[in-house]
Amino acid sequence: MLKQIFTRPFIQHLLISDGGLILLIILYNLLSLLIPLVRISLGSALLIFILANLLICGLKATTFWLNQQSQP
């Protein structure tokens, strides 16, 4: 069942979005060295990373479940 929900292309897209999220957090922290912004600590970056992945996987599982319910 999990292979039907989390297909190989979905996992690949998730890894690409995770890489983009990590890159954006690094760029934000580098920018905060030049401009006095609030820096993101490693713990809060990890929390953002985990929450984003849970949200994406939860939405994927929910839409899969709703599509299964609507089919006769």
N, C-alpha and C. Protein backbone atom coordinates (compact mmCIF):
# COMPACT_ATOMS: atom_id res chain seq x y z
N MET A 1 0.83 -1.20 0.00
CA MET A 1 0.00 0.00 0.00
C MET A 1 0.87 1.25 0.00
N LEU A 2 1.94 1.26 0.79
CA LEU A 2 2.80 2.44 0.83
C LEU A 2 3.49 2.70 -0.50
N LYS A 3 3.79 1.63 -1.24
CA LYS A 3 4.41 1.81 -2.56
C LYS A 3 3.43 2.46 -3.53
N GLN A 4 2.13 2.25 -3.32
CA GLN A 4 1.14 2.91 -4.17
C GLN A 4 1.03 4.38 -3.83
N ILE A 5 1.16 4.72 -2.56
CA ILE A 5 1.04 6.12 -2.15
C ILE A 5 2.32 6.88 -2.47
N PHE A 6 3.44 6.38 -1.99
CA PHE A 6 4.72 7.07 -2.14
C PHE A 6 5.51 6.39 -3.26
N THR A 7 5.17 6.77 -4.48
CA THR A 7 5.82 6.18 -5.65
C THR A 7 7.24 6.72 -5.80
N ARG A 8 8.01 6.10 -6.67
CA ARG A 8 9.39 6.50 -6.89
C ARG A 8 9.50 7.96 -7.36
N PRO A 9 8.66 8.41 -8.33
CA PRO A 9 8.76 9.83 -8.73
C PRO A 9 8.43 10.78 -7.57
N PHE A 10 7.48 10.40 -6.72
CA PHE A 10 7.15 11.25 -5.57
C PHE A 10 8.34 11.37 -4.63
N ILE A 11 9.02 10.26 -4.35
CA ILE A 11 10.19 10.28 -3.47
C ILE A 11 11.29 11.13 -4.10
N GLN A 12 11.48 11.03 -5.42
CA GLN A 12 12.49 11.84 -6.09
C GLN A 12 12.16 13.32 -5.99
N HIS A 13 10.91 13.68 -6.19
CA HIS A 13 10.51 15.08 -6.06
C HIS A 13 10.65 15.57 -4.62
N LEU A 14 10.37 14.69 -3.66
CA LEU A 14 10.52 15.05 -2.26
C LEU A 14 11.98 15.32 -1.93
N LEU A 15 12.88 14.50 -2.45
CA LEU A 15 14.31 14.72 -2.21
C LEU A 15 14.79 16.01 -2.86
N ILE A 16 14.28 16.33 -4.03
CA ILE A 16 14.65 17.59 -4.69
C ILE A 16 14.14 18.78 -3.88
N SER A 17 12.91 18.69 -3.39
CA SER A 17 12.38 19.80 -2.58
C SER A 17 13.12 19.91 -1.25
N ASP A 18 13.56 18.78 -0.68
CA ASP A 18 14.36 18.84 0.54
C ASP A 18 15.70 19.52 0.29
N GLY A 19 16.32 19.20 -0.84
CA GLY A 19 17.57 19.87 -1.19
C GLY A 19 17.38 21.36 -1.38
N GLY A 20 16.28 21.74 -2.00
CA GLY A 20 15.98 23.16 -2.16
C GLY A 20 15.73 23.85 -0.84
N LEU A 21 15.06 23.18 0.07
CA LEU A 21 14.79 23.75 1.39
C LEU A 21 16.09 23.94 2.17
N ILE A 22 16.98 22.97 2.11
CA ILE A 22 18.27 23.09 2.78
C ILE A 22 19.06 24.25 2.18
N LEU A 23 19.06 24.36 0.85
CA LEU A 23 19.77 25.44 0.19
C LEU A 23 19.21 26.80 0.58
N LEU A 24 17.88 26.92 0.66
CA LEU A 24 17.27 28.19 1.06
C LEU A 24 17.61 28.55 2.51
N ILE A 25 17.66 27.58 3.40
CA ILE A 25 18.01 27.86 4.79
C ILE A 25 19.47 28.32 4.88
N ILE A 26 20.36 27.68 4.12
CA ILE A 26 21.77 28.10 4.11
C ILE A 26 21.91 29.50 3.55
N LEU A 27 21.21 29.78 2.44
CA LEU A 27 21.28 31.13 1.86
C LEU A 27 20.70 32.18 2.80
N TYR A 28 19.64 31.85 3.49
CA TYR A 28 19.06 32.80 4.44
C TYR A 28 20.04 33.11 5.56
N ASN A 29 20.72 32.07 6.07
CA ASN A 29 21.69 32.30 7.14
C ASN A 29 22.89 33.10 6.64
N LEU A 30 23.32 32.88 5.40
CA LEU A 30 24.41 33.69 4.84
C LEU A 30 23.97 35.13 4.65
N LEU A 31 22.74 35.34 4.23
CA LEU A 31 22.21 36.68 4.07
C LEU A 31 22.10 37.38 5.42
N SER A 32 21.80 36.63 6.46
CA SER A 32 21.67 37.25 7.78
C SER A 32 23.02 37.71 8.33
N LEU A 33 24.12 37.22 7.75
CA LEU A 33 25.44 37.73 8.15
C LEU A 33 25.67 39.12 7.57
N LEU A 34 25.11 39.40 6.40
CA LEU A 34 25.28 40.71 5.76
C LEU A 34 24.27 41.72 6.27
N ILE A 35 23.06 41.31 6.39
CA ILE A 35 21.97 42.18 6.85
C ILE A 35 21.51 41.64 8.20
N PRO A 36 21.37 42.52 9.19
CA PRO A 36 20.98 42.02 10.52
C PRO A 36 19.56 41.46 10.55
N LEU A 37 19.45 40.18 10.22
CA LEU A 37 18.18 39.46 10.29
C LEU A 37 18.27 38.44 11.42
N VAL A 38 17.19 37.84 11.72
CA VAL A 38 17.18 36.77 12.72
C VAL A 38 17.74 35.52 12.05
N ARG A 39 18.79 34.93 12.62
CA ARG A 39 19.37 33.72 12.06
C ARG A 39 18.56 32.51 12.48
N ILE A 40 18.56 31.50 11.62
CA ILE A 40 17.85 30.26 11.92
C ILE A 40 18.86 29.30 12.52
N SER A 41 18.57 28.82 13.71
CA SER A 41 19.49 27.87 14.35
C SER A 41 19.33 26.49 13.72
N LEU A 42 20.27 25.61 14.04
CA LEU A 42 20.23 24.27 13.48
C LEU A 42 18.98 23.51 13.93
N GLY A 43 18.58 23.70 15.17
CA GLY A 43 17.38 23.02 15.68
C GLY A 43 16.12 23.48 14.99
N SER A 44 15.99 24.80 14.79
CA SER A 44 14.79 25.29 14.12
C SER A 44 14.81 24.94 12.63
N ALA A 45 15.99 24.88 12.02
CA ALA A 45 16.07 24.45 10.62
C ALA A 45 15.64 22.99 10.49
N LEU A 46 16.06 22.17 11.42
CA LEU A 46 15.66 20.76 11.42
C LEU A 46 14.16 20.63 11.63
N LEU A 47 13.61 21.45 12.51
CA LEU A 47 12.16 21.42 12.75
C LEU A 47 11.39 21.84 11.50
N ILE A 48 11.85 22.87 10.80
CA ILE A 48 11.22 23.29 9.55
C ILE A 48 11.27 22.17 8.53
N PHE A 49 12.42 21.52 8.44
CA PHE A 49 12.64 20.43 7.50
C PHE A 49 11.67 19.27 7.79
N ILE A 50 11.56 18.88 9.03
CA ILE A 50 10.69 17.77 9.40
C ILE A 50 9.22 18.12 9.18
N LEU A 51 8.82 19.33 9.58
CA LEU A 51 7.43 19.73 9.41
C LEU A 51 7.04 19.82 7.94
N ALA A 52 7.94 20.31 7.10
CA ALA A 52 7.64 20.39 5.67
C ALA A 52 7.47 19.00 5.08
N ASN A 53 8.34 18.06 5.47
CA ASN A 53 8.21 16.70 4.96
C ASN A 53 6.94 16.02 5.46
N LEU A 54 6.60 16.21 6.71
CA LEU A 54 5.36 15.63 7.24
C LEU A 54 4.14 16.20 6.54
N LEU A 55 4.16 17.49 6.27
CA LEU A 55 3.04 18.13 5.60
C LEU A 55 2.88 17.59 4.17
N ILE A 56 3.99 17.50 3.44
CA ILE A 56 3.93 17.01 2.07
C ILE A 56 3.46 15.55 2.03
N CYS A 57 4.03 14.71 2.88
CA CYS A 57 3.64 13.29 2.90
C CYS A 57 2.20 13.11 3.39
N GLY A 58 1.79 13.92 4.35
CA GLY A 58 0.41 13.86 4.83
C GLY A 58 -0.60 14.25 3.76
N LEU A 59 -0.27 15.29 3.00
CA LEU A 59 -1.16 15.70 1.92
C LEU A 59 -1.24 14.63 0.83
N LYS A 60 -0.11 14.02 0.53
CA LYS A 60 -0.09 12.96 -0.49
C LYS A 60 -0.94 11.76 -0.04
N ALA A 61 -0.77 11.35 1.21
CA ALA A 61 -1.54 10.21 1.73
C ALA A 61 -3.03 10.54 1.80
N THR A 62 -3.36 11.76 2.18
CA THR A 62 -4.77 12.16 2.28
C THR A 62 -5.43 12.19 0.91
N THR A 63 -4.76 12.75 -0.09
CA THR A 63 -5.35 12.78 -1.42
C THR A 63 -5.48 11.37 -2.00
N PHE A 64 -4.51 10.51 -1.72
CA PHE A 64 -4.62 9.12 -2.18
C PHE A 64 -5.82 8.44 -1.52
N TRP A 65 -5.99 8.65 -0.22
CA TRP A 65 -7.10 8.03 0.50
C TRP A 65 -8.45 8.57 0.00
N LEU A 66 -8.52 9.88 -0.25
CA LEU A 66 -9.77 10.46 -0.75
C LEU A 66 -10.09 9.96 -2.15
N ASN A 67 -9.07 9.76 -2.99
CA ASN A 67 -9.31 9.23 -4.32
C ASN A 67 -9.77 7.78 -4.25
N GLN A 68 -9.26 7.02 -3.31
CA GLN A 68 -9.71 5.63 -3.14
C GLN A 68 -11.16 5.57 -2.67
N GLN A 69 -11.55 6.51 -1.81
CA GLN A 69 -12.93 6.53 -1.29
C GLN A 69 -13.93 6.92 -2.37
N SER A 70 -13.52 7.77 -3.33
CA SER A 70 -14.47 8.25 -4.32
C SER A 70 -14.67 7.26 -5.47
N GLN A 71 -13.79 6.28 -5.60
CA GLN A 71 -13.96 5.28 -6.66
C GLN A 71 -14.91 4.18 -6.19
N PRO A 72 -15.78 3.71 -7.11
CA PRO A 72 -16.75 2.69 -6.71
C PRO A 72 -16.10 1.32 -6.53
